[in-house]
Amino acid sequence: MAQWLSDGFDGLQQWLFESLLQPLMFSMGWASFLEDGYAACGWLLVGLLQLGVIGLLIGPLQRLWPVEPVTDRATIRTDILYTLVHRLGLFRLGLFATVEPLADALFGALRVAGVSTFHLDGVWPGVSDVPWVSLLLYLLVLDFFGYWIHRAQHHFEWWWRLHSLHHAQRQMTMWSDSRNHLLDDLLRDALLVAVAQFIGVMPGQFIAIVAITQLSENLQHANLRLSFGRWGERLWISPRFHRLHHGIGIGHETTVPSVGAGASGAQPRVVPGGANFGVLLPWWDMLLRSANFDARYGPTGVRDQVEPGADGRLRDYGQGFWSQQWRGVLRLFGRA
């Protein structure tokens, strides 16, 4: 079955490349980039398949068991635009033009200096000979790194100023996963690509891992009242588990007692923190004591959207794609 699916995908990728992209690249004088074009066809095909699953499977589930009524369709349309930018390859085209040449130059220089990458699945004899075992091994390792990258997005104030755009969505749906500042995406993806190259993930494996991760995250962000049960919740991240991460006052902050609060009556302090940082697996949250399995579906967003700051105003995260990107840059430099 797996081989049949793999062969079918390869056939579609070859057809798409030879029928559409290759003639276009030859006509534009880009023959030296044919290999990259073939890889781009793979990403585009994966994106189209993902959009099909989102629309035909996750969409009906949202309509059957919604957490809350849809009240702001404009912000959902913006999230759909983010998803199309990522799934149809526009963001990856930007990575190809900026980050990938730098990564190739870095790893090329390391190889010249005698420092080579290795294949993690070759450490244990026989693992690399079983494709699905090798894939699961790399998925596990990249998910672990993804957990720490996500914690860093919340821990470092400058990074949170970018990442907070993702959390500012108060009408979460299956489209909300890709709602990120482009600089946030650029930094996260560059780190993951570097780790993947260093541990020897093959291109086909990386595409499969990204596809699995993105579809799971689409489900996690869905406006869907769904739990995987007591044991399932501890095996794979559910929409309920991840919604807590987006919950106001839960997912990205921690309330701690003020020093001397018992004597002076000082109010507790809100500090950066949070819970449920896992990408696919809740195991890292459980091991590192950042898991929250409360059975609730609360409102999502960021506290400064609903509680005025020191200046008496609520923070504006922007209403459309370009507005949100611009305001993210302003936040990064402390201007918004």
C-alpha atoms as a PDB file:
ATOM      1  CA  MET A   1       0.000   0.000   0.000  1.00  0.00           C
ATOM      2  CA  ALA A   2       2.747   2.422   1.021  1.00  0.00           C
ATOM      3  CA  GLN A   3       4.746   1.595  -2.115  1.00  0.00           C
ATOM      4  CA  TRP A   4       1.657   2.135  -4.273  1.00  0.00           C
ATOM      5  CA  LEU A   5       1.093   5.559  -2.744  1.00  0.00           C
ATOM      6  CA  SER A   6       4.764   6.453  -3.177  1.00  0.00           C
ATOM      7  CA  ASP A   7       4.764   5.375  -6.810  1.00  0.00           C
ATOM      8  CA  GLY A   8       1.558   7.288  -7.476  1.00  0.00           C
ATOM      9  CA  PHE A   9       2.973  10.468  -5.954  1.00  0.00           C
ATOM     10  CA  ASP A  10       6.204  10.138  -7.933  1.00  0.00           C
ATOM     11  CA  GLY A  11       4.221   9.691 -11.137  1.00  0.00           C
ATOM     12  CA  LEU A  12       2.123  12.802 -10.495  1.00  0.00           C
ATOM     13  CA  GLN A  13       5.212  14.821  -9.616  1.00  0.00           C
ATOM     14  CA  GLN A  14       6.949  13.711 -12.820  1.00  0.00           C
ATOM     15  CA  TRP A  15       3.890  14.535 -14.926  1.00  0.00           C
ATOM     16  CA  LEU A  16       3.459  17.968 -13.334  1.00  0.00           C
ATOM     17  CA  PHE A  17       7.120  18.786 -13.859  1.00  0.00           C
ATOM     18  CA  GLU A  18       7.396  17.571 -17.459  1.00  0.00           C
ATOM     19  CA  SER A  19       4.051  18.961 -18.579  1.00  0.00           C
ATOM     20  CA  LEU A  20       4.082  22.388 -16.956  1.00  0.00           C
ATOM     21  CA  LEU A  21       7.193  23.520 -15.149  1.00  0.00           C
ATOM     22  CA  GLN A  22      10.033  22.146 -17.264  1.00  0.00           C
ATOM     23  CA  PRO A  23       8.906  23.826 -20.531  1.00  0.00           C
ATOM     24  CA  LEU A  24       8.389  27.090 -18.645  1.00  0.00           C
ATOM     25  CA  MET A  25      11.859  26.938 -17.089  1.00  0.00           C
ATOM     26  CA  PHE A  26      13.498  26.221 -20.460  1.00  0.00           C
ATOM     27  CA  SER A  27      11.679  29.168 -22.050  1.00  0.00           C
ATOM     28  CA  MET A  28      12.907  31.486 -19.260  1.00  0.00           C
ATOM     29  CA  GLY A  29      16.511  30.289 -19.428  1.00  0.00           C
ATOM     30  CA  TRP A  30      16.405  28.556 -16.038  1.00  0.00           C
ATOM     31  CA  ALA A  31      17.666  25.171 -17.212  1.00  0.00           C
ATOM     32  CA  SER A  32      20.345  25.175 -14.494  1.00  0.00           C
ATOM     33  CA  PHE A  33      17.569  25.074 -11.840  1.00  0.00           C
ATOM     34  CA  LEU A  34      15.708  22.041 -13.213  1.00  0.00           C
ATOM     35  CA  GLU A  35      16.525  19.918 -10.159  1.00  0.00           C
ATOM     36  CA  ASP A  36      15.148  22.600  -7.860  1.00  0.00           C
ATOM     37  CA  GLY A  37      12.099  22.905 -10.086  1.00  0.00           C
ATOM     38  CA  TYR A  38      11.420  19.187  -9.777  1.00  0.00           C
ATOM     39  CA  ALA A  39      11.592  19.484  -5.976  1.00  0.00           C
ATOM     40  CA  ALA A  40       9.253  22.497  -6.129  1.00  0.00           C
ATOM     41  CA  CYS A  41       6.708  20.361  -7.986  1.00  0.00           C
ATOM     42  CA  GLY A  42       6.829  17.916  -5.100  1.00  0.00           C
ATOM     43  CA  TRP A  43       6.093  20.648  -2.569  1.00  0.00           C
ATOM     44  CA  LEU A  44       3.280  22.039  -4.736  1.00  0.00           C
ATOM     45  CA  LEU A  45       1.700  18.614  -5.109  1.00  0.00           C
ATOM     46  CA  VAL A  46       1.889  18.008  -1.355  1.00  0.00           C
ATOM     47  CA  GLY A  47       0.293  21.401  -0.766  1.00  0.00           C
ATOM     48  CA  LEU A  48      -2.591  20.653  -3.115  1.00  0.00           C
ATOM     49  CA  LEU A  49      -3.190  17.296  -1.435  1.00  0.00           C
ATOM     50  CA  GLN A  50      -3.156  19.002   1.972  1.00  0.00           C
ATOM     51  CA  LEU A  51      -5.710  21.577   0.844  1.00  0.00           C
ATOM     52  CA  GLY A  52      -7.908  18.711  -0.290  1.00  0.00           C
ATOM     53  CA  VAL A  53      -7.713  16.995   3.107  1.00  0.00           C
ATOM     54  CA  ILE A  54      -8.369  20.287   4.919  1.00  0.00           C
ATOM     55  CA  GLY A  55     -11.439  21.044   2.850  1.00  0.00           C
ATOM     56  CA  LEU A  56     -12.905  17.549   2.556  1.00  0.00           C
ATOM     57  CA  LEU A  57     -12.143  16.112   6.008  1.00  0.00           C
ATOM     58  CA  ILE A  58     -11.346  18.748   8.644  1.00  0.00           C
ATOM     59  CA  GLY A  59     -13.893  21.268   7.316  1.00  0.00           C
ATOM     60  CA  PRO A  60     -16.910  18.961   7.788  1.00  0.00           C
ATOM     61  CA  LEU A  61     -15.688  18.051  11.292  1.00  0.00           C
ATOM     62  CA  GLN A  62     -15.618  21.771  12.205  1.00  0.00           C
ATOM     63  CA  ARG A  63     -19.191  22.173  11.050  1.00  0.00           C
ATOM     64  CA  LEU A  64     -20.360  19.094  12.978  1.00  0.00           C
ATOM     65  CA  TRP A  65     -18.733  19.830  16.352  1.00  0.00           C
ATOM     66  CA  PRO A  66     -17.692  23.505  16.571  1.00  0.00           C
ATOM     67  CA  VAL A  67     -16.322  24.976  19.797  1.00  0.00           C
ATOM     68  CA  GLU A  68     -17.833  28.393  19.069  1.00  0.00           C
ATOM     69  CA  PRO A  69     -19.944  30.081  16.375  1.00  0.00           C
ATOM     70  CA  VAL A  70     -18.165  31.809  13.498  1.00  0.00           C
ATOM     71  CA  THR A  71     -18.498  35.563  14.075  1.00  0.00           C
ATOM     72  CA  ASP A  72     -15.521  37.047  12.204  1.00  0.00           C
ATOM     73  CA  ARG A  73     -15.259  35.684   8.674  1.00  0.00           C
ATOM     74  CA  ALA A  74     -12.884  38.462   7.563  1.00  0.00           C
ATOM     75  CA  THR A  75     -10.093  37.292   9.859  1.00  0.00           C
ATOM     76  CA  ILE A  76     -10.660  33.698   8.697  1.00  0.00           C
ATOM     77  CA  ARG A  77     -10.273  34.808   5.067  1.00  0.00           C
ATOM     78  CA  THR A  78      -6.909  36.314   5.998  1.00  0.00           C
ATOM     79  CA  ASP A  79      -5.885  32.999   7.554  1.00  0.00           C
ATOM     80  CA  ILE A  80      -6.866  31.228   4.326  1.00  0.00           C
ATOM     81  CA  LEU A  81      -4.515  33.581   2.467  1.00  0.00           C
ATOM     82  CA  TYR A  82      -1.676  32.637   4.853  1.00  0.00           C
ATOM     83  CA  THR A  83      -2.412  28.951   4.191  1.00  0.00           C
ATOM     84  CA  LEU A  84      -2.374  29.396   0.409  1.00  0.00           C
ATOM     85  CA  VAL A  85       0.925  31.313   0.575  1.00  0.00           C
ATOM     86  CA  HIS A  86       2.503  28.410   2.447  1.00  0.00           C
ATOM     87  CA  ARG A  87       0.845  25.410   0.820  1.00  0.00           C
ATOM     88  CA  LEU A  88       1.187  26.591  -2.795  1.00  0.00           C
ATOM     89  CA  GLY A  89       4.900  27.174  -2.450  1.00  0.00           C
ATOM     90  CA  LEU A  90       5.168  30.980  -2.365  1.00  0.00           C
ATOM     91  CA  PHE A  91       6.831  31.010   1.048  1.00  0.00           C
ATOM     92  CA  ARG A  92       9.097  28.122   0.083  1.00  0.00           C
ATOM     93  CA  LEU A  93      10.111  30.070  -3.026  1.00  0.00           C
ATOM     94  CA  GLY A  94      11.248  32.830  -0.670  1.00  0.00           C
ATOM     95  CA  LEU A  95      13.237  30.293   1.353  1.00  0.00           C
ATOM     96  CA  PHE A  96      14.829  28.989  -1.838  1.00  0.00           C
ATOM     97  CA  ALA A  97      15.932  32.509  -2.791  1.00  0.00           C
ATOM     98  CA  THR A  98      17.267  33.471   0.654  1.00  0.00           C
ATOM     99  CA  VAL A  99      17.980  30.718   3.176  1.00  0.00           C
ATOM    100  CA  GLU A 100      18.775  27.636   1.068  1.00  0.00           C
ATOM    101  CA  PRO A 101      21.806  29.163  -0.744  1.00  0.00           C
ATOM    102  CA  LEU A 102      23.235  30.168   2.631  1.00  0.00           C
ATOM    103  CA  ALA A 103      22.577  26.696   4.081  1.00  0.00           C
ATOM    104  CA  ASP A 104      24.145  25.002   1.048  1.00  0.00           C
ATOM    105  CA  ALA A 105      27.200  27.259   1.316  1.00  0.00           C
ATOM    106  CA  LEU A 106      27.525  26.558   5.059  1.00  0.00           C
ATOM    107  CA  PHE A 107      27.309  22.778   4.750  1.00  0.00           C
ATOM    108  CA  GLY A 108      29.581  22.863   1.696  1.00  0.00           C
ATOM    109  CA  ALA A 109      32.207  24.774   3.671  1.00  0.00           C
ATOM    110  CA  LEU A 110      31.900  22.289   6.541  1.00  0.00           C
ATOM    111  CA  ARG A 111      32.443  19.361   4.176  1.00  0.00           C
ATOM    112  CA  VAL A 112      35.527  21.051   2.699  1.00  0.00           C
ATOM    113  CA  ALA A 113      36.823  21.509   6.252  1.00  0.00           C
ATOM    114  CA  GLY A 114      36.336  17.801   6.915  1.00  0.00           C
ATOM    115  CA  VAL A 115      33.195  18.176   9.030  1.00  0.00           C
ATOM    116  CA  SER A 116      30.520  16.064   7.400  1.00  0.00           C
ATOM    117  CA  THR A 117      26.899  15.481   8.278  1.00  0.00           C
ATOM    118  CA  PHE A 118      25.823  12.008   9.308  1.00  0.00           C
ATOM    119  CA  HIS A 119      22.745   9.825   8.884  1.00  0.00           C
ATOM    120  CA  LEU A 120      21.100   9.302  12.250  1.00  0.00           C
ATOM    121  CA  ASP A 121      19.225   6.250  10.981  1.00  0.00           C
ATOM    122  CA  GLY A 122      22.594   4.647  10.237  1.00  0.00           C
ATOM    123  CA  VAL A 123      23.660   4.651  13.896  1.00  0.00           C
ATOM    124  CA  TRP A 124      21.589   1.509  14.530  1.00  0.00           C
ATOM    125  CA  PRO A 125      22.162  -1.321  12.029  1.00  0.00           C
ATOM    126  CA  GLY A 126      19.166  -2.105   9.877  1.00  0.00           C
ATOM    127  CA  VAL A 127      17.099   1.017  10.646  1.00  0.00           C
ATOM    128  CA  SER A 128      17.888   2.724   7.351  1.00  0.00           C
ATOM    129  CA  ASP A 129      16.796  -0.444   5.510  1.00  0.00           C
ATOM    130  CA  VAL A 130      13.211  -0.064   6.787  1.00  0.00           C
ATOM    131  CA  PRO A 131      11.845   3.200   5.332  1.00  0.00           C
ATOM    132  CA  TRP A 132       8.933   3.686   7.748  1.00  0.00           C
ATOM    133  CA  VAL A 133      11.147   3.084  10.813  1.00  0.00           C
ATOM    134  CA  SER A 134      13.686   5.588   9.502  1.00  0.00           C
ATOM    135  CA  LEU A 135      10.884   8.098   8.855  1.00  0.00           C
ATOM    136  CA  LEU A 136       9.482   7.693  12.387  1.00  0.00           C
ATOM    137  CA  LEU A 137      12.944   8.148  13.897  1.00  0.00           C
ATOM    138  CA  TYR A 138      13.514  11.414  12.056  1.00  0.00           C
ATOM    139  CA  LEU A 139       9.961  12.596  12.821  1.00  0.00           C
ATOM    140  CA  LEU A 140      10.585  11.987  16.532  1.00  0.00           C
ATOM    141  CA  VAL A 141      13.882  13.893  16.539  1.00  0.00           C
ATOM    142  CA  LEU A 142      12.539  16.860  14.547  1.00  0.00           C
ATOM    143  CA  ASP A 143       9.454  17.008  16.769  1.00  0.00           C
ATOM    144  CA  PHE A 144      11.746  17.262  19.809  1.00  0.00           C
ATOM    145  CA  PHE A 145      13.607  20.174  18.224  1.00  0.00           C
ATOM    146  CA  GLY A 146      10.283  21.700  17.218  1.00  0.00           C
ATOM    147  CA  TYR A 147       9.202  21.664  20.859  1.00  0.00           C
ATOM    148  CA  TRP A 148      12.279  23.643  21.931  1.00  0.00           C
ATOM    149  CA  ILE A 149      11.959  26.096  19.055  1.00  0.00           C
ATOM    150  CA  HIS A 150       8.349  26.703  20.106  1.00  0.00           C
ATOM    151  CA  ARG A 151       9.393  27.297  23.703  1.00  0.00           C
ATOM    152  CA  ALA A 152      12.012  29.762  22.472  1.00  0.00           C
ATOM    153  CA  GLN A 153       9.331  31.633  20.517  1.00  0.00           C
ATOM    154  CA  HIS A 154       7.569  32.223  23.830  1.00  0.00           C
ATOM    155  CA  HIS A 155      10.637  32.653  26.052  1.00  0.00           C
ATOM    156  CA  PHE A 156      12.576  35.343  24.202  1.00  0.00           C
ATOM    157  CA  GLU A 157      10.739  38.667  24.277  1.00  0.00           C
ATOM    158  CA  TRP A 158      11.910  39.763  20.822  1.00  0.00           C
ATOM    159  CA  TRP A 159      10.771  36.466  19.295  1.00  0.00           C
ATOM    160  CA  TRP A 160       7.432  36.591  21.100  1.00  0.00           C
ATOM    161  CA  ARG A 161       6.795  40.003  19.535  1.00  0.00           C
ATOM    162  CA  LEU A 162       6.707  38.188  16.196  1.00  0.00           C
ATOM    163  CA  HIS A 163       5.117  34.920  17.328  1.00  0.00           C
ATOM    164  CA  SER A 164       2.294  36.706  19.184  1.00  0.00           C
ATOM    165  CA  LEU A 165       0.618  37.315  15.801  1.00  0.00           C
ATOM    166  CA  HIS A 166      -0.108  33.585  15.666  1.00  0.00           C
ATOM    167  CA  HIS A 167      -1.748  33.745  19.089  1.00  0.00           C
ATOM    168  CA  ALA A 168      -3.729  36.898  18.352  1.00  0.00           C
ATOM    169  CA  GLN A 169      -6.338  34.935  16.379  1.00  0.00           C
ATOM    170  CA  ARG A 170      -9.496  34.952  18.498  1.00  0.00           C
ATOM    171  CA  GLN A 171     -11.491  32.998  15.892  1.00  0.00           C
ATOM    172  CA  MET A 172      -9.372  29.857  15.578  1.00  0.00           C
ATOM    173  CA  THR A 173     -10.102  27.526  12.670  1.00  0.00           C
ATOM    174  CA  MET A 174      -8.383  24.864  10.598  1.00  0.00           C
ATOM    175  CA  TRP A 175      -6.751  27.710   8.620  1.00  0.00           C
ATOM    176  CA  SER A 176      -5.065  29.326  11.643  1.00  0.00           C
ATOM    177  CA  ASP A 177      -1.920  27.174  11.691  1.00  0.00           C
ATOM    178  CA  SER A 178      -0.191  29.209   8.951  1.00  0.00           C
ATOM    179  CA  ARG A 179      -1.098  32.614  10.462  1.00  0.00           C
ATOM    180  CA  ASN A 180       2.452  33.644  11.376  1.00  0.00           C
ATOM    181  CA  HIS A 181       4.740  36.557  10.831  1.00  0.00           C
ATOM    182  CA  LEU A 182       6.947  35.755   7.846  1.00  0.00           C
ATOM    183  CA  LEU A 183      10.099  36.547   9.852  1.00  0.00           C
ATOM    184  CA  ASP A 184       8.935  34.110  12.527  1.00  0.00           C
ATOM    185  CA  ASP A 185       8.400  31.415   9.880  1.00  0.00           C
ATOM    186  CA  LEU A 186      11.728  32.192   8.239  1.00  0.00           C
ATOM    187  CA  LEU A 187      13.694  31.770  11.462  1.00  0.00           C
ATOM    188  CA  ARG A 188      11.858  28.626  12.595  1.00  0.00           C
ATOM    189  CA  ASP A 189      12.082  26.899   9.208  1.00  0.00           C
ATOM    190  CA  ALA A 190      15.759  27.806   8.790  1.00  0.00           C
ATOM    191  CA  LEU A 191      16.534  26.146  12.130  1.00  0.00           C
ATOM    192  CA  LEU A 192      14.536  23.017  11.283  1.00  0.00           C
ATOM    193  CA  VAL A 193      16.093  22.708   7.822  1.00  0.00           C
ATOM    194  CA  ALA A 194      19.577  23.049   9.337  1.00  0.00           C
ATOM    195  CA  VAL A 195      18.846  20.330  11.906  1.00  0.00           C
ATOM    196  CA  ALA A 196      17.327  18.073   9.225  1.00  0.00           C
ATOM    197  CA  GLN A 197      20.382  18.445   6.994  1.00  0.00           C
ATOM    198  CA  PHE A 198      22.758  17.855   9.883  1.00  0.00           C
ATOM    199  CA  ILE A 199      21.145  14.583  10.974  1.00  0.00           C
ATOM    200  CA  GLY A 200      20.800  13.304   7.395  1.00  0.00           C
ATOM    201  CA  VAL A 201      17.081  13.516   6.619  1.00  0.00           C
ATOM    202  CA  MET A 202      16.563  12.693   2.960  1.00  0.00           C
ATOM    203  CA  PRO A 203      14.538  15.191   0.857  1.00  0.00           C
ATOM    204  CA  GLY A 204      11.619  12.785   0.393  1.00  0.00           C
ATOM    205  CA  GLN A 205      11.525  12.048   4.112  1.00  0.00           C
ATOM    206  CA  PHE A 206      11.591  15.763   4.940  1.00  0.00           C
ATOM    207  CA  ILE A 207       8.651  16.464   2.633  1.00  0.00           C
ATOM    208  CA  ALA A 208       6.678  13.625   4.254  1.00  0.00           C
ATOM    209  CA  ILE A 209       7.475  14.862   7.785  1.00  0.00           C
ATOM    210  CA  VAL A 210       6.472  18.421   6.911  1.00  0.00           C
ATOM    211  CA  ALA A 211       3.218  17.207   5.312  1.00  0.00           C
ATOM    212  CA  ILE A 212       2.306  15.081   8.348  1.00  0.00           C
ATOM    213  CA  THR A 213       3.155  17.925  10.722  1.00  0.00           C
ATOM    214  CA  GLN A 214       1.211  20.570   8.838  1.00  0.00           C
ATOM    215  CA  LEU A 215      -1.941  18.465   8.477  1.00  0.00           C
ATOM    216  CA  SER A 216      -1.849  17.569  12.155  1.00  0.00           C
ATOM    217  CA  GLU A 217      -1.472  21.256  13.028  1.00  0.00           C
ATOM    218  CA  ASN A 218      -4.435  22.143  10.795  1.00  0.00           C
ATOM    219  CA  LEU A 219      -6.513  19.700  12.838  1.00  0.00           C
ATOM    220  CA  GLN A 220      -5.107  21.026  16.132  1.00  0.00           C
ATOM    221  CA  HIS A 221      -6.142  24.601  15.307  1.00  0.00           C
ATOM    222  CA  ALA A 222      -9.613  23.656  14.059  1.00  0.00           C
ATOM    223  CA  ASN A 223     -12.734  25.109  15.623  1.00  0.00           C
ATOM    224  CA  LEU A 224     -13.458  21.582  16.754  1.00  0.00           C
ATOM    225  CA  ARG A 225     -14.677  20.220  20.075  1.00  0.00           C
ATOM    226  CA  LEU A 226     -12.560  17.077  19.988  1.00  0.00           C
ATOM    227  CA  SER A 227     -10.483  15.246  22.581  1.00  0.00           C
ATOM    228  CA  PHE A 228      -8.607  11.987  21.987  1.00  0.00           C
ATOM    229  CA  GLY A 229      -9.531  10.592  25.410  1.00  0.00           C
ATOM    230  CA  ARG A 230      -7.421  10.005  28.497  1.00  0.00           C
ATOM    231  CA  TRP A 231      -4.764   7.886  26.763  1.00  0.00           C
ATOM    232  CA  GLY A 232      -5.025   9.246  23.228  1.00  0.00           C
ATOM    233  CA  GLU A 233      -4.374  12.761  24.541  1.00  0.00           C
ATOM    234  CA  ARG A 234      -1.017  11.517  25.797  1.00  0.00           C
ATOM    235  CA  LEU A 235      -0.054   9.925  22.473  1.00  0.00           C
ATOM    236  CA  TRP A 236      -0.853  12.688  19.966  1.00  0.00           C
ATOM    237  CA  ILE A 237      -1.805  16.350  20.323  1.00  0.00           C
ATOM    238  CA  SER A 238      -5.534  16.935  19.959  1.00  0.00           C
ATOM    239  CA  PRO A 239      -7.512  20.099  19.121  1.00  0.00           C
ATOM    240  CA  ARG A 240      -8.492  20.386  22.794  1.00  0.00           C
ATOM    241  CA  PHE A 241      -4.885  20.089  24.026  1.00  0.00           C
ATOM    242  CA  HIS A 242      -3.600  22.684  21.565  1.00  0.00           C
ATOM    243  CA  ARG A 243      -6.500  25.088  22.117  1.00  0.00           C
ATOM    244  CA  LEU A 244      -5.319  25.396  25.723  1.00  0.00           C
ATOM    245  CA  HIS A 245      -1.991  26.617  24.354  1.00  0.00           C
ATOM    246  CA  HIS A 246      -3.894  29.425  22.601  1.00  0.00           C
ATOM    247  CA  GLY A 247      -6.052  30.147  25.646  1.00  0.00           C
ATOM    248  CA  ILE A 248      -5.847  33.634  27.138  1.00  0.00           C
ATOM    249  CA  GLY A 249      -3.852  33.429  30.360  1.00  0.00           C
ATOM    250  CA  ILE A 250      -2.906  29.754  29.834  1.00  0.00           C
ATOM    251  CA  GLY A 251      -0.804  29.028  26.787  1.00  0.00           C
ATOM    252  CA  HIS A 252       1.732  31.848  26.800  1.00  0.00           C
ATOM    253  CA  GLU A 253       1.931  33.217  30.336  1.00  0.00           C
ATOM    254  CA  THR A 254       2.187  32.055  33.935  1.00  0.00           C
ATOM    255  CA  THR A 255       0.819  33.758  37.036  1.00  0.00           C
ATOM    256  CA  VAL A 256       3.230  33.785  39.999  1.00  0.00           C
ATOM    257  CA  PRO A 257       2.887  35.286  43.492  1.00  0.00           C
ATOM    258  CA  SER A 258       4.541  38.673  44.007  1.00  0.00           C
ATOM    259  CA  VAL A 259       7.401  38.862  46.465  1.00  0.00           C
ATOM    260  CA  GLY A 260       5.957  39.634  49.871  1.00  0.00           C
ATOM    261  CA  ALA A 261       2.401  39.250  48.632  1.00  0.00           C
ATOM    262  CA  GLY A 262       1.299  37.687  51.892  1.00  0.00           C
ATOM    263  CA  ALA A 263       2.293  40.721  53.932  1.00  0.00           C
ATOM    264  CA  SER A 264       1.580  43.599  51.568  1.00  0.00           C
ATOM    265  CA  GLY A 265      -1.379  42.236  49.643  1.00  0.00           C
ATOM    266  CA  ALA A 266       0.437  42.724  46.334  1.00  0.00           C
ATOM    267  CA  GLN A 267      -1.263  41.250  43.280  1.00  0.00           C
ATOM    268  CA  PRO A 268       0.214  38.167  41.572  1.00  0.00           C
ATOM    269  CA  ARG A 269       2.480  38.869  38.597  1.00  0.00           C
ATOM    270  CA  VAL A 270       2.007  37.614  35.046  1.00  0.00           C
ATOM    271  CA  VAL A 271       5.292  36.462  33.510  1.00  0.00           C
ATOM    272  CA  PRO A 272       6.209  34.718  30.233  1.00  0.00           C
ATOM    273  CA  GLY A 273       5.585  30.992  30.471  1.00  0.00           C
ATOM    274  CA  GLY A 274       2.706  28.884  29.281  1.00  0.00           C
ATOM    275  CA  ALA A 275       1.879  25.284  28.495  1.00  0.00           C
ATOM    276  CA  ASN A 276       1.413  22.727  25.712  1.00  0.00           C
ATOM    277  CA  PHE A 277       4.301  23.687  23.425  1.00  0.00           C
ATOM    278  CA  GLY A 278       4.419  20.324  21.643  1.00  0.00           C
ATOM    279  CA  VAL A 279       4.086  20.228  17.862  1.00  0.00           C
ATOM    280  CA  LEU A 280       2.911  16.646  17.265  1.00  0.00           C
ATOM    281  CA  LEU A 281       3.602  14.703  20.442  1.00  0.00           C
ATOM    282  CA  PRO A 282       2.659  15.753  23.987  1.00  0.00           C
ATOM    283  CA  TRP A 283       5.511  13.638  25.352  1.00  0.00           C
ATOM    284  CA  TRP A 284       7.978  16.519  25.628  1.00  0.00           C
ATOM    285  CA  ASP A 285       5.435  18.627  27.537  1.00  0.00           C
ATOM    286  CA  MET A 286       4.831  15.705  29.881  1.00  0.00           C
ATOM    287  CA  LEU A 287       8.543  15.063  30.440  1.00  0.00           C
ATOM    288  CA  LEU A 288       9.381  18.736  30.973  1.00  0.00           C
ATOM    289  CA  ARG A 289       6.317  19.575  33.087  1.00  0.00           C
ATOM    290  CA  SER A 290       4.701  21.980  30.627  1.00  0.00           C
ATOM    291  CA  ALA A 291       1.610  19.853  29.866  1.00  0.00           C
ATOM    292  CA  ASN A 292      -1.922  20.978  30.726  1.00  0.00           C
ATOM    293  CA  PHE A 293      -4.656  18.377  30.203  1.00  0.00           C
ATOM    294  CA  ASP A 294      -7.565  20.422  31.563  1.00  0.00           C
ATOM    295  CA  ALA A 295     -10.835  19.421  29.883  1.00  0.00           C
ATOM    296  CA  ARG A 296     -12.006  22.855  28.731  1.00  0.00           C
ATOM    297  CA  TYR A 297     -12.389  24.926  25.573  1.00  0.00           C
ATOM    298  CA  GLY A 298     -11.849  28.563  26.529  1.00  0.00           C
ATOM    299  CA  PRO A 299     -11.488  31.757  24.493  1.00  0.00           C
ATOM    300  CA  THR A 300      -8.288  32.234  22.506  1.00  0.00           C
ATOM    301  CA  GLY A 301      -6.098  35.281  21.961  1.00  0.00           C
ATOM    302  CA  VAL A 302      -3.534  37.389  23.798  1.00  0.00           C
ATOM    303  CA  ARG A 303      -4.245  39.159  27.068  1.00  0.00           C
ATOM    304  CA  ASP A 304      -3.307  42.611  25.742  1.00  0.00           C
ATOM    305  CA  GLN A 305      -6.135  42.291  23.195  1.00  0.00           C
ATOM    306  CA  VAL A 306      -8.765  42.209  25.955  1.00  0.00           C
ATOM    307  CA  GLU A 307      -7.091  44.063  28.847  1.00  0.00           C
ATOM    308  CA  PRO A 308      -5.740  47.634  28.349  1.00  0.00           C
ATOM    309  CA  GLY A 309      -2.017  48.114  28.804  1.00  0.00           C
ATOM    310  CA  ALA A 310      -0.206  50.808  30.779  1.00  0.00           C
ATOM    311  CA  ASP A 311      -1.271  53.382  28.175  1.00  0.00           C
ATOM    312  CA  GLY A 312      -4.924  52.424  28.633  1.00  0.00           C
ATOM    313  CA  ARG A 313      -5.226  50.970  25.104  1.00  0.00           C
ATOM    314  CA  LEU A 314      -5.698  47.512  23.667  1.00  0.00           C
ATOM    315  CA  ARG A 315      -2.981  46.201  21.338  1.00  0.00           C
ATOM    316  CA  ASP A 316      -3.802  46.182  17.632  1.00  0.00           C
ATOM    317  CA  TYR A 317      -2.392  43.172  15.762  1.00  0.00           C
ATOM    318  CA  GLY A 318      -3.741  44.269  12.374  1.00  0.00           C
ATOM    319  CA  GLN A 319      -6.731  43.192  10.326  1.00  0.00           C
ATOM    320  CA  GLY A 320      -5.268  42.024   7.010  1.00  0.00           C
ATOM    321  CA  PHE A 321      -2.139  40.206   5.810  1.00  0.00           C
ATOM    322  CA  TRP A 322       0.060  43.230   5.155  1.00  0.00           C
ATOM    323  CA  SER A 323      -1.245  45.135   8.158  1.00  0.00           C
ATOM    324  CA  GLN A 324      -0.393  42.188  10.416  1.00  0.00           C
ATOM    325  CA  GLN A 325       3.081  41.851   8.908  1.00  0.00           C
ATOM    326  CA  TRP A 326       3.823  45.561   9.281  1.00  0.00           C
ATOM    327  CA  ARG A 327       2.579  45.750  12.862  1.00  0.00           C
ATOM    328  CA  GLY A 328       4.741  42.734  13.679  1.00  0.00           C
ATOM    329  CA  VAL A 329       7.820  44.632  12.509  1.00  0.00           C
ATOM    330  CA  LEU A 330       6.755  47.596  14.628  1.00  0.00           C
ATOM    331  CA  ARG A 331       6.330  45.341  17.691  1.00  0.00           C
ATOM    332  CA  LEU A 332       9.766  43.832  17.069  1.00  0.00           C
ATOM    333  CA  PHE A 333      11.315  47.285  17.411  1.00  0.00           C
ATOM    334  CA  GLY A 334       9.064  48.337  20.295  1.00  0.00           C
ATOM    335  CA  ARG A 335       6.953  50.727  18.240  1.00  0.00           C
ATOM    336  CA  ALA A 336       3.541  49.040  18.589  1.00  0.00           C
END
